[in-house]
Amino acid sequence: LPRAPAGLSVSAFWEEYASRRVPVVLPLPPGAGPAQAWDLAFLRASIGGRVPALRRRDAASTQWAGLEPATLGPPPGPEPAGAAGGQTLSASSTTMVGATTVADFIDRLDATAE
């Protein structure tokens, strides 16, 4: 993602990013950020039980920044019984957005990194 320059005005933000639906990272001024680093352990401890609205980028989307609702695939681990390689898993074996906590997402990140 692009990073906005420090000191970006509201009007410049609107013109360069929001009106064109371009996602951007906004830097915090020195000393304005959290006292603790936002690593995965901190996020799990502070907001692990929350259920965020997960979004995915879709170039054909008409939503802001081209972000559409997303789902996560099945949890890492062995395939469920009856799911031979290449077959589509049923909806019941897929974690839907409404049930995915921040901790669930972090678990998936950890499993992917291994």
Foldseek 3Di string as FASTA:
>chain_A
DAEDDPPQDPVNCCVPDFVVLADYHYDDPPPPDDPDDPDLVNCCVPFQADQDQDWDADPPDPDRNRTDGDWAAAADDDDPPPQPPPDDDDPVRTGGRRRQGSNNVVNRVVVVVD
